[in-house]
Amino acid sequence: MNLLVKRLFNISHIPDFSTFLSQNSHAGIQPVPSGSLSGLKYYIQTYGCQMNENDSEIVASILSKAGLESTASVETVPNI
C-alpha cells in the first residue's frame, strides 16, 4: 500500500500483500516450481470491478511463472 495513503488515512497498521503471504505460509500451500507446468495453457475470463482485474493479473502471473501459457480463447484450453 502506498505510504502516503497509509499516513493520510492513519492506516499504517494494515499489512501489505507480501506480509500477508509470509504470515500465512503455514497454510500447507506449496509453491509450484517454476516451469514445472510448461506446455499447458490457461484462459482467464474476468467479470466485475478493477479489483477482479487485479486478482486475475496476480493469478496469471503465478500461472505464467509455473510455465503455463496464456491463451485468448477458452476454446484452445483442453481442460476446464
C-alpha atoms as a PDB file:
ATOM      1  CA  MET A   1       0.000   0.000   0.000  1.00  0.00           C
ATOM      2  CA  ASN A   2       1.219   3.462  -0.764  1.00  0.00           C
ATOM      3  CA  LEU A   3       2.995   5.011   2.231  1.00  0.00           C
ATOM      4  CA  LEU A   4       1.300   8.376   1.641  1.00  0.00           C
ATOM      5  CA  VAL A   5      -2.141   6.748   1.707  1.00  0.00           C
ATOM      6  CA  LYS A   6      -1.256   4.956   4.947  1.00  0.00           C
ATOM      7  CA  ARG A   7      -0.228   8.244   6.526  1.00  0.00           C
ATOM      8  CA  LEU A   8      -3.175  10.274   5.201  1.00  0.00           C
ATOM      9  CA  PHE A   9      -5.745   7.817   6.470  1.00  0.00           C
ATOM     10  CA  ASN A  10      -3.805   6.685   9.549  1.00  0.00           C
ATOM     11  CA  ILE A  11      -3.799   3.058   8.428  1.00  0.00           C
ATOM     12  CA  SER A  12      -0.145   2.252   8.939  1.00  0.00           C
ATOM     13  CA  HIS A  13      -1.091  -0.885  10.888  1.00  0.00           C
ATOM     14  CA  ILE A  14      -2.579  -2.611   7.807  1.00  0.00           C
ATOM     15  CA  PRO A  15      -0.161  -5.209   6.377  1.00  0.00           C
ATOM     16  CA  ASP A  16       0.683  -5.336   2.689  1.00  0.00           C
ATOM     17  CA  PHE A  17       0.276  -8.393   0.457  1.00  0.00           C
ATOM     18  CA  SER A  18       3.829  -9.694   0.959  1.00  0.00           C
ATOM     19  CA  THR A  19       3.358  -9.557   4.737  1.00  0.00           C
ATOM     20  CA  PHE A  20       0.101 -11.462   4.391  1.00  0.00           C
ATOM     21  CA  LEU A  21       1.783 -14.179   2.337  1.00  0.00           C
ATOM     22  CA  SER A  22       4.730 -14.534   4.694  1.00  0.00           C
ATOM     23  CA  GLN A  23       2.459 -14.809   7.739  1.00  0.00           C
ATOM     24  CA  ASN A  24       0.139 -17.331   6.098  1.00  0.00           C
ATOM     25  CA  SER A  25       2.692 -19.666   4.572  1.00  0.00           C
ATOM     26  CA  HIS A  26       1.795 -22.272   7.207  1.00  0.00           C
ATOM     27  CA  ALA A  27      -1.473 -22.989   5.402  1.00  0.00           C
ATOM     28  CA  GLY A  28       0.080 -26.013   3.697  1.00  0.00           C
ATOM     29  CA  ILE A  29       0.135 -24.476   0.251  1.00  0.00           C
ATOM     30  CA  GLN A  30       3.337 -25.343  -1.527  1.00  0.00           C
ATOM     31  CA  PRO A  31       4.634 -23.161  -4.371  1.00  0.00           C
ATOM     32  CA  VAL A  32       4.658 -24.686  -7.823  1.00  0.00           C
ATOM     33  CA  PRO A  33       8.239 -24.993  -9.084  1.00  0.00           C
ATOM     34  CA  SER A  34       8.993 -22.522 -11.867  1.00  0.00           C
ATOM     35  CA  GLY A  35       8.438 -24.034 -15.302  1.00  0.00           C
ATOM     36  CA  SER A  36       7.017 -27.298 -13.949  1.00  0.00           C
ATOM     37  CA  LEU A  37       3.774 -26.992 -15.901  1.00  0.00           C
ATOM     38  CA  SER A  38       5.214 -25.907 -19.244  1.00  0.00           C
ATOM     39  CA  GLY A  39       3.185 -26.852 -22.269  1.00  0.00           C
ATOM     40  CA  LEU A  40      -0.172 -26.354 -20.573  1.00  0.00           C
ATOM     41  CA  LYS A  41      -2.476 -23.446 -21.405  1.00  0.00           C
ATOM     42  CA  TYR A  42      -4.815 -21.350 -19.316  1.00  0.00           C
ATOM     43  CA  TYR A  43      -7.601 -18.898 -20.009  1.00  0.00           C
ATOM     44  CA  ILE A  44      -8.931 -16.362 -17.524  1.00  0.00           C
ATOM     45  CA  GLN A  45     -12.197 -14.536 -18.065  1.00  0.00           C
ATOM     46  CA  THR A  46     -12.784 -11.722 -15.594  1.00  0.00           C
ATOM     47  CA  TYR A  47     -16.043 -10.034 -14.659  1.00  0.00           C
ATOM     48  CA  GLY A  48     -16.696  -7.130 -12.347  1.00  0.00           C
ATOM     49  CA  CYS A  49     -14.599  -4.397 -10.869  1.00  0.00           C
ATOM     50  CA  GLN A  50     -10.969  -3.379 -11.215  1.00  0.00           C
ATOM     51  CA  MET A  51     -10.058  -5.435  -8.148  1.00  0.00           C
ATOM     52  CA  ASN A  52     -11.204  -8.540 -10.012  1.00  0.00           C
ATOM     53  CA  GLU A  53      -8.926  -7.486 -12.871  1.00  0.00           C
ATOM     54  CA  ASN A  54      -6.070  -7.123 -10.396  1.00  0.00           C
ATOM     55  CA  ASP A  55      -6.745 -10.561  -8.922  1.00  0.00           C
ATOM     56  CA  SER A  56      -6.801 -12.054 -12.409  1.00  0.00           C
ATOM     57  CA  GLU A  57      -3.421 -10.471 -13.158  1.00  0.00           C
ATOM     58  CA  ILE A  58      -1.973 -11.967  -9.982  1.00  0.00           C
ATOM     59  CA  VAL A  59      -3.282 -15.431 -10.863  1.00  0.00           C
ATOM     60  CA  ALA A  60      -1.987 -15.067 -14.434  1.00  0.00           C
ATOM     61  CA  SER A  61       1.442 -14.127 -13.116  1.00  0.00           C
ATOM     62  CA  ILE A  62       1.549 -17.190 -10.860  1.00  0.00           C
ATOM     63  CA  LEU A  63       0.435 -19.489 -13.678  1.00  0.00           C
ATOM     64  CA  SER A  64       2.935 -17.997 -16.132  1.00  0.00           C
ATOM     65  CA  LYS A  65       5.801 -18.428 -13.668  1.00  0.00           C
ATOM     66  CA  ALA A  66       4.783 -22.083 -13.315  1.00  0.00           C
ATOM     67  CA  GLY A  67       5.196 -22.479 -17.071  1.00  0.00           C
ATOM     68  CA  LEU A  68       1.627 -22.269 -18.314  1.00  0.00           C
ATOM     69  CA  GLU A  69       0.857 -20.314 -21.453  1.00  0.00           C
ATOM     70  CA  SER A  70      -1.920 -17.720 -21.614  1.00  0.00           C
ATOM     71  CA  THR A  71      -4.435 -18.044 -24.410  1.00  0.00           C
ATOM     72  CA  ALA A  72      -7.008 -15.542 -25.653  1.00  0.00           C
ATOM     73  CA  SER A  73      -9.731 -18.099 -26.269  1.00  0.00           C
ATOM     74  CA  VAL A  74     -11.360 -20.646 -23.992  1.00  0.00           C
ATOM     75  CA  GLU A  75     -11.714 -22.989 -26.975  1.00  0.00           C
ATOM     76  CA  THR A  76      -7.933 -23.545 -27.047  1.00  0.00           C
ATOM     77  CA  VAL A  77      -7.770 -24.788 -23.463  1.00  0.00           C
ATOM     78  CA  PRO A  78      -8.119 -28.596 -23.368  1.00  0.00           C
ATOM     79  CA  ASN A  79      -9.382 -28.843 -19.760  1.00  0.00           C
ATOM     80  CA  ILE A  80     -11.693 -26.607 -17.792  1.00  0.00           C
END
